[in-house]
Amino acid sequence: MKSYLVIGLGLFGAEVARQLCSLGCEVLAMDINSTLVQQVANDVTHAVVGDGKDKEVLKALDAGSFDCAIIAIGDDLSASILTTMNLKELNVPYVVCKAHDETHRRVLEKLGVDRVIIPECEFAGKLARSLSSHNVLDYIELSKDYGILEVPAPKSWVGKTILELNVRAKLGVNIIAVENKETTNVSPSANYRIEAGDIMVVLGENKALEAVQKL
């Protein structure tokens, strides 16, 4: 079971903490605001009042023993910087930090944060991608260059096997799952014949995924 330390329990941090716990992870949620701590206490493994800027507090919580720390403090740049420095000094293996804007992101990256996210930008990008193409059911960003796209099977694919389509060579994408009303076929075989109504789950570079949308 993976363990997570979530620091900052605003809307974003609280939801991340709840979601991780619902997925079976061990979650310690922390905030300086006791009211916010109480609001998530029943939804996570442990919830405590504490200040991530205080290294001694993080030591007492044995922060270095967690698999990942998520800093979701919000707009307070100085607080996220100090908390990041403390976690790095305590040798937390993987640190994720919420940033307010690109300047905030650059500062955090220079401090060695493993992943910096700007939730508003990531959501906006996902929303724009889905709205720009009527057939996109879902899009998951894996990195700046790669993602997973969920789309109805293009008409040109229906009736053909995955081997016949050869999308890896022709488009540079991989079909990682096929969904229909009855089942989800993970890692479908090359002989799987695509039917009308199938939902294709495709992995690849964003440029290649854009080509799939246009089929």
C-alpha atoms as a PDB file:
ATOM      1  CA  MET A   1       0.000   0.000   0.000  1.00  0.00           C
ATOM      2  CA  LYS A   2       1.417   3.356  -1.029  1.00  0.00           C
ATOM      3  CA  SER A   3       1.474   6.177   1.501  1.00  0.00           C
ATOM      4  CA  TYR A   4       0.858   9.856   0.815  1.00  0.00           C
ATOM      5  CA  LEU A   5       1.305  13.026   2.810  1.00  0.00           C
ATOM      6  CA  VAL A   6      -1.050  15.777   1.628  1.00  0.00           C
ATOM      7  CA  ILE A   7      -0.212  19.271   2.891  1.00  0.00           C
ATOM      8  CA  GLY A   8      -2.883  21.921   2.361  1.00  0.00           C
ATOM      9  CA  LEU A   9      -6.554  21.009   2.466  1.00  0.00           C
ATOM     10  CA  GLY A  10      -8.253  23.573   0.280  1.00  0.00           C
ATOM     11  CA  LEU A  11     -10.591  22.296  -2.434  1.00  0.00           C
ATOM     12  CA  PHE A  12      -7.770  20.727  -4.446  1.00  0.00           C
ATOM     13  CA  GLY A  13      -5.795  19.190  -1.599  1.00  0.00           C
ATOM     14  CA  ALA A  14      -8.851  17.833   0.186  1.00  0.00           C
ATOM     15  CA  GLU A  15     -10.165  16.180  -2.958  1.00  0.00           C
ATOM     16  CA  VAL A  16      -6.782  14.633  -3.779  1.00  0.00           C
ATOM     17  CA  ALA A  17      -6.566  13.258  -0.241  1.00  0.00           C
ATOM     18  CA  ARG A  18     -10.062  11.785  -0.420  1.00  0.00           C
ATOM     19  CA  GLN A  19      -9.516  10.265  -3.849  1.00  0.00           C
ATOM     20  CA  LEU A  20      -6.212   8.655  -2.861  1.00  0.00           C
ATOM     21  CA  CYS A  21      -7.775   7.152   0.245  1.00  0.00           C
ATOM     22  CA  SER A  22     -10.740   5.832  -1.761  1.00  0.00           C
ATOM     23  CA  LEU A  23      -8.231   4.062  -4.007  1.00  0.00           C
ATOM     24  CA  GLY A  24      -6.874   2.157  -1.012  1.00  0.00           C
ATOM     25  CA  CYS A  25      -3.835   4.313  -0.246  1.00  0.00           C
ATOM     26  CA  GLU A  26      -2.694   5.388   3.199  1.00  0.00           C
ATOM     27  CA  VAL A  27      -3.181   9.151   3.460  1.00  0.00           C
ATOM     28  CA  LEU A  28      -2.060  11.619   6.119  1.00  0.00           C
ATOM     29  CA  ALA A  29      -3.738  14.974   5.500  1.00  0.00           C
ATOM     30  CA  MET A  30      -2.412  18.141   7.130  1.00  0.00           C
ATOM     31  CA  ASP A  31      -3.337  21.817   7.265  1.00  0.00           C
ATOM     32  CA  ILE A  32      -2.832  24.725   9.633  1.00  0.00           C
ATOM     33  CA  ASN A  33      -6.597  25.298   9.614  1.00  0.00           C
ATOM     34  CA  SER A  34      -8.285  22.980  12.108  1.00  0.00           C
ATOM     35  CA  THR A  35     -11.678  23.391  10.433  1.00  0.00           C
ATOM     36  CA  LEU A  36     -10.325  22.081   7.123  1.00  0.00           C
ATOM     37  CA  VAL A  37      -8.657  19.185   8.932  1.00  0.00           C
ATOM     38  CA  GLN A  38     -11.926  18.233  10.601  1.00  0.00           C
ATOM     39  CA  GLN A  39     -13.738  18.297   7.262  1.00  0.00           C
ATOM     40  CA  VAL A  40     -11.566  15.517   5.817  1.00  0.00           C
ATOM     41  CA  ALA A  41     -10.840  13.582   9.006  1.00  0.00           C
ATOM     42  CA  ASN A  42     -13.430  10.890   8.290  1.00  0.00           C
ATOM     43  CA  ASP A  43     -12.328  10.435   4.673  1.00  0.00           C
ATOM     44  CA  VAL A  44      -8.586   9.806   5.119  1.00  0.00           C
ATOM     45  CA  THR A  45      -6.346   7.540   7.188  1.00  0.00           C
ATOM     46  CA  HIS A  46      -5.101  10.316   9.469  1.00  0.00           C
ATOM     47  CA  ALA A  47      -5.677  14.073   9.605  1.00  0.00           C
ATOM     48  CA  VAL A  48      -3.624  16.476  11.689  1.00  0.00           C
ATOM     49  CA  VAL A  49      -3.238  20.200  12.283  1.00  0.00           C
ATOM     50  CA  GLY A  50       0.272  21.277  11.373  1.00  0.00           C
ATOM     51  CA  ASP A  51       2.443  23.683   9.412  1.00  0.00           C
ATOM     52  CA  GLY A  52       4.545  22.320   6.551  1.00  0.00           C
ATOM     53  CA  LYS A  53       6.898  25.292   6.896  1.00  0.00           C
ATOM     54  CA  ASP A  54       7.973  23.902  10.256  1.00  0.00           C
ATOM     55  CA  LYS A  55      10.585  21.230   9.644  1.00  0.00           C
ATOM     56  CA  GLU A  56      10.239  19.863  13.172  1.00  0.00           C
ATOM     57  CA  VAL A  57       6.541  19.180  12.560  1.00  0.00           C
ATOM     58  CA  LEU A  58       7.370  17.209   9.424  1.00  0.00           C
ATOM     59  CA  LYS A  59      10.074  15.308  11.300  1.00  0.00           C
ATOM     60  CA  ALA A  60       7.598  14.389  14.023  1.00  0.00           C
ATOM     61  CA  LEU A  61       5.257  13.040  11.344  1.00  0.00           C
ATOM     62  CA  ASP A  62       8.134  11.029   9.858  1.00  0.00           C
ATOM     63  CA  ALA A  63       7.560  12.688   6.491  1.00  0.00           C
ATOM     64  CA  GLY A  64      10.520  10.889   4.943  1.00  0.00           C
ATOM     65  CA  SER A  65       8.776   7.548   5.343  1.00  0.00           C
ATOM     66  CA  PHE A  66       5.972   8.461   2.916  1.00  0.00           C
ATOM     67  CA  ASP A  67       6.167   7.354  -0.704  1.00  0.00           C
ATOM     68  CA  CYS A  68       4.970  10.733  -1.920  1.00  0.00           C
ATOM     69  CA  ALA A  69       4.202  14.192  -0.539  1.00  0.00           C
ATOM     70  CA  ILE A  70       1.692  16.483  -2.203  1.00  0.00           C
ATOM     71  CA  ILE A  71       1.947  20.195  -1.445  1.00  0.00           C
ATOM     72  CA  ALA A  72      -1.405  21.801  -2.167  1.00  0.00           C
ATOM     73  CA  ILE A  73      -0.955  25.024  -0.238  1.00  0.00           C
ATOM     74  CA  GLY A  74      -2.262  27.199  -3.061  1.00  0.00           C
ATOM     75  CA  ASP A  75      -1.305  30.793  -3.793  1.00  0.00           C
ATOM     76  CA  ASP A  76       1.281  31.217  -1.019  1.00  0.00           C
ATOM     77  CA  LEU A  77       4.551  30.939  -2.914  1.00  0.00           C
ATOM     78  CA  SER A  78       6.787  31.362   0.128  1.00  0.00           C
ATOM     79  CA  ALA A  79       4.912  28.659   2.041  1.00  0.00           C
ATOM     80  CA  SER A  80       5.173  26.155  -0.795  1.00  0.00           C
ATOM     81  CA  ILE A  81       8.879  26.928  -1.248  1.00  0.00           C
ATOM     82  CA  LEU A  82       9.692  26.432   2.434  1.00  0.00           C
ATOM     83  CA  THR A  83       7.586  23.276   2.626  1.00  0.00           C
ATOM     84  CA  THR A  84       9.267  21.909  -0.495  1.00  0.00           C
ATOM     85  CA  MET A  85      12.731  22.581   0.915  1.00  0.00           C
ATOM     86  CA  ASN A  86      11.807  20.837   4.162  1.00  0.00           C
ATOM     87  CA  LEU A  87      10.473  17.758   2.392  1.00  0.00           C
ATOM     88  CA  LYS A  88      13.532  17.536   0.151  1.00  0.00           C
ATOM     89  CA  GLU A  89      15.841  17.784   3.169  1.00  0.00           C
ATOM     90  CA  LEU A  90      13.858  14.977   4.805  1.00  0.00           C
ATOM     91  CA  ASN A  91      14.421  12.828   1.696  1.00  0.00           C
ATOM     92  CA  VAL A  92      10.805  12.345   0.651  1.00  0.00           C
ATOM     93  CA  PRO A  93      11.149  10.159  -2.486  1.00  0.00           C
ATOM     94  CA  TYR A  94       8.609  11.969  -4.682  1.00  0.00           C
ATOM     95  CA  VAL A  95       7.251  15.480  -4.211  1.00  0.00           C
ATOM     96  CA  VAL A  96       4.288  16.899  -6.120  1.00  0.00           C
ATOM     97  CA  CYS A  97       3.484  20.568  -5.740  1.00  0.00           C
ATOM     98  CA  LYS A  98       0.558  22.709  -6.823  1.00  0.00           C
ATOM     99  CA  ALA A  99       1.607  25.958  -8.480  1.00  0.00           C
ATOM    100  CA  HIS A 100      -0.372  29.132  -8.988  1.00  0.00           C
ATOM    101  CA  ASP A 101       1.199  30.175 -12.296  1.00  0.00           C
ATOM    102  CA  GLU A 102       4.181  29.569 -14.590  1.00  0.00           C
ATOM    103  CA  THR A 103       6.542  31.687 -12.469  1.00  0.00           C
ATOM    104  CA  HIS A 104       5.616  29.620  -9.429  1.00  0.00           C
ATOM    105  CA  ARG A 105       6.157  26.462 -11.493  1.00  0.00           C
ATOM    106  CA  ARG A 106       9.677  27.488 -12.567  1.00  0.00           C
ATOM    107  CA  VAL A 107      10.708  28.267  -8.998  1.00  0.00           C
ATOM    108  CA  LEU A 108       9.447  24.919  -7.732  1.00  0.00           C
ATOM    109  CA  GLU A 109      11.154  23.011 -10.546  1.00  0.00           C
ATOM    110  CA  LYS A 110      14.465  24.666  -9.642  1.00  0.00           C
ATOM    111  CA  LEU A 111      13.976  23.377  -6.098  1.00  0.00           C
ATOM    112  CA  GLY A 112      13.786  19.843  -7.430  1.00  0.00           C
ATOM    113  CA  VAL A 113      10.053  19.186  -7.209  1.00  0.00           C
ATOM    114  CA  ASP A 114       9.356  15.970  -9.100  1.00  0.00           C
ATOM    115  CA  ARG A 115       6.075  17.122 -10.569  1.00  0.00           C
ATOM    116  CA  VAL A 116       4.538  20.587 -10.613  1.00  0.00           C
ATOM    117  CA  ILE A 117       0.893  20.992 -11.545  1.00  0.00           C
ATOM    118  CA  ILE A 118      -1.316  23.982 -12.218  1.00  0.00           C
ATOM    119  CA  PRO A 119      -4.774  22.418 -11.807  1.00  0.00           C
ATOM    120  CA  GLU A 120      -6.636  25.218 -13.559  1.00  0.00           C
ATOM    121  CA  CYS A 121      -4.392  24.977 -16.636  1.00  0.00           C
ATOM    122  CA  GLU A 122      -4.538  21.195 -16.761  1.00  0.00           C
ATOM    123  CA  PHE A 123      -8.316  21.175 -16.470  1.00  0.00           C
ATOM    124  CA  ALA A 124      -8.635  23.955 -19.046  1.00  0.00           C
ATOM    125  CA  GLY A 125      -6.460  22.003 -21.477  1.00  0.00           C
ATOM    126  CA  LYS A 126      -8.499  18.860 -20.985  1.00  0.00           C
ATOM    127  CA  LEU A 127     -11.770  20.743 -21.404  1.00  0.00           C
ATOM    128  CA  ALA A 128     -10.559  22.560 -24.513  1.00  0.00           C
ATOM    129  CA  ARG A 129      -9.390  19.305 -26.063  1.00  0.00           C
ATOM    130  CA  SER A 130     -12.743  17.619 -25.464  1.00  0.00           C
ATOM    131  CA  LEU A 131     -14.750  20.620 -26.707  1.00  0.00           C
ATOM    132  CA  SER A 132     -12.641  21.103 -29.824  1.00  0.00           C
ATOM    133  CA  SER A 133     -13.560  17.653 -31.094  1.00  0.00           C
ATOM    134  CA  HIS A 134     -17.123  16.425 -30.704  1.00  0.00           C
ATOM    135  CA  ASN A 135     -16.072  12.770 -30.652  1.00  0.00           C
ATOM    136  CA  VAL A 136     -13.607  12.941 -27.736  1.00  0.00           C
ATOM    137  CA  LEU A 137     -15.085  11.206 -24.692  1.00  0.00           C
ATOM    138  CA  ASP A 138     -12.117  11.688 -22.385  1.00  0.00           C
ATOM    139  CA  TYR A 139      -8.472  12.729 -22.390  1.00  0.00           C
ATOM    140  CA  ILE A 140      -5.860  12.035 -19.725  1.00  0.00           C
ATOM    141  CA  GLU A 141      -2.599  13.960 -19.847  1.00  0.00           C
ATOM    142  CA  LEU A 142       0.374  11.790 -18.914  1.00  0.00           C
ATOM    143  CA  SER A 143       2.992  14.444 -19.622  1.00  0.00           C
ATOM    144  CA  LYS A 144       3.433  17.533 -21.770  1.00  0.00           C
ATOM    145  CA  ASP A 145       3.842  15.318 -24.836  1.00  0.00           C
ATOM    146  CA  TYR A 146       1.865  12.138 -24.141  1.00  0.00           C
ATOM    147  CA  GLY A 147      -1.704  11.307 -23.267  1.00  0.00           C
ATOM    148  CA  ILE A 148      -4.506   8.753 -23.373  1.00  0.00           C
ATOM    149  CA  LEU A 149      -7.515   9.437 -25.583  1.00  0.00           C
ATOM    150  CA  GLU A 150     -10.932   7.793 -25.376  1.00  0.00           C
ATOM    151  CA  VAL A 151     -12.946   8.048 -28.598  1.00  0.00           C
ATOM    152  CA  PRO A 152     -15.670   6.140 -30.432  1.00  0.00           C
ATOM    153  CA  ALA A 153     -14.179   3.786 -33.017  1.00  0.00           C
ATOM    154  CA  PRO A 154     -13.666   5.769 -36.244  1.00  0.00           C
ATOM    155  CA  LYS A 155     -15.846   4.510 -39.106  1.00  0.00           C
ATOM    156  CA  SER A 156     -12.737   3.618 -41.085  1.00  0.00           C
ATOM    157  CA  TRP A 157     -11.683   1.221 -38.298  1.00  0.00           C
ATOM    158  CA  VAL A 158     -14.962  -0.678 -38.001  1.00  0.00           C
ATOM    159  CA  GLY A 159     -14.786  -4.206 -39.377  1.00  0.00           C
ATOM    160  CA  LYS A 160     -10.988  -4.329 -39.331  1.00  0.00           C
ATOM    161  CA  THR A 161      -8.706  -6.110 -36.918  1.00  0.00           C
ATOM    162  CA  ILE A 162      -6.108  -4.262 -34.881  1.00  0.00           C
ATOM    163  CA  LEU A 163      -3.459  -6.081 -36.920  1.00  0.00           C
ATOM    164  CA  GLU A 164      -4.969  -4.814 -40.168  1.00  0.00           C
ATOM    165  CA  LEU A 165      -5.134  -1.249 -38.884  1.00  0.00           C
ATOM    166  CA  ASN A 166      -1.475  -1.300 -37.783  1.00  0.00           C
ATOM    167  CA  VAL A 167      -1.964   2.024 -36.008  1.00  0.00           C
ATOM    168  CA  ARG A 168       1.381   1.817 -34.246  1.00  0.00           C
ATOM    169  CA  ALA A 169       3.242   2.007 -37.542  1.00  0.00           C
ATOM    170  CA  LYS A 170       0.811   4.266 -39.395  1.00  0.00           C
ATOM    171  CA  LEU A 171      -0.151   6.735 -36.673  1.00  0.00           C
ATOM    172  CA  GLY A 172       2.345   6.180 -33.858  1.00  0.00           C
ATOM    173  CA  VAL A 173      -0.299   5.231 -31.285  1.00  0.00           C
ATOM    174  CA  ASN A 174      -1.203   2.109 -29.343  1.00  0.00           C
ATOM    175  CA  ILE A 175      -4.701   0.773 -28.700  1.00  0.00           C
ATOM    176  CA  ILE A 176      -4.506  -0.161 -25.025  1.00  0.00           C
ATOM    177  CA  ALA A 177      -8.164  -1.068 -24.456  1.00  0.00           C
ATOM    178  CA  VAL A 178     -11.490  -1.441 -26.216  1.00  0.00           C
ATOM    179  CA  GLU A 179     -14.753  -0.814 -24.383  1.00  0.00           C
ATOM    180  CA  ASN A 180     -18.294  -1.725 -25.373  1.00  0.00           C
ATOM    181  CA  LYS A 181     -21.629  -2.059 -23.601  1.00  0.00           C
ATOM    182  CA  GLU A 182     -20.711  -5.452 -22.164  1.00  0.00           C
ATOM    183  CA  THR A 183     -16.998  -5.518 -21.395  1.00  0.00           C
ATOM    184  CA  THR A 184     -13.692  -3.702 -21.301  1.00  0.00           C
ATOM    185  CA  ASN A 185     -11.015  -5.529 -23.259  1.00  0.00           C
ATOM    186  CA  VAL A 186      -7.632  -4.473 -21.862  1.00  0.00           C
ATOM    187  CA  SER A 187      -4.670  -5.078 -24.198  1.00  0.00           C
ATOM    188  CA  PRO A 188      -6.840  -6.484 -27.007  1.00  0.00           C
ATOM    189  CA  SER A 189      -5.193  -9.061 -29.256  1.00  0.00           C
ATOM    190  CA  ALA A 190      -4.059  -8.210 -32.770  1.00  0.00           C
ATOM    191  CA  ASN A 191      -6.929 -10.347 -34.090  1.00  0.00           C
ATOM    192  CA  TYR A 192      -9.612  -8.320 -32.323  1.00  0.00           C
ATOM    193  CA  ARG A 193     -12.089  -7.054 -34.924  1.00  0.00           C
ATOM    194  CA  ILE A 194     -13.462  -3.615 -34.169  1.00  0.00           C
ATOM    195  CA  GLU A 195     -17.231  -3.237 -34.144  1.00  0.00           C
ATOM    196  CA  ALA A 196     -19.535  -0.243 -34.472  1.00  0.00           C
ATOM    197  CA  GLY A 197     -20.127   1.181 -31.015  1.00  0.00           C
ATOM    198  CA  ASP A 198     -16.717   0.209 -29.663  1.00  0.00           C
ATOM    199  CA  ILE A 199     -14.902   2.824 -27.597  1.00  0.00           C
ATOM    200  CA  MET A 200     -11.177   2.969 -28.305  1.00  0.00           C
ATOM    201  CA  VAL A 201      -8.672   3.840 -25.571  1.00  0.00           C
ATOM    202  CA  VAL A 202      -5.534   5.029 -27.342  1.00  0.00           C
ATOM    203  CA  LEU A 203      -2.079   5.940 -25.995  1.00  0.00           C
ATOM    204  CA  GLY A 204       0.404   8.115 -27.821  1.00  0.00           C
ATOM    205  CA  GLU A 205       1.988  11.494 -28.414  1.00  0.00           C
ATOM    206  CA  ASN A 206      -0.472  14.360 -28.439  1.00  0.00           C
ATOM    207  CA  LYS A 207       0.181  15.102 -32.115  1.00  0.00           C
ATOM    208  CA  ALA A 208      -0.610  11.500 -33.000  1.00  0.00           C
ATOM    209  CA  LEU A 209      -3.751  11.571 -30.861  1.00  0.00           C
ATOM    210  CA  GLU A 210      -4.904  14.669 -32.745  1.00  0.00           C
ATOM    211  CA  ALA A 211      -4.593  12.654 -35.959  1.00  0.00           C
ATOM    212  CA  VAL A 212      -6.825   9.924 -34.480  1.00  0.00           C
ATOM    213  CA  GLN A 213      -9.479  12.547 -33.666  1.00  0.00           C
ATOM    214  CA  LYS A 214      -9.615  13.566 -37.321  1.00  0.00           C
ATOM    215  CA  LEU A 215     -10.294  10.048 -38.658  1.00  0.00           C
END
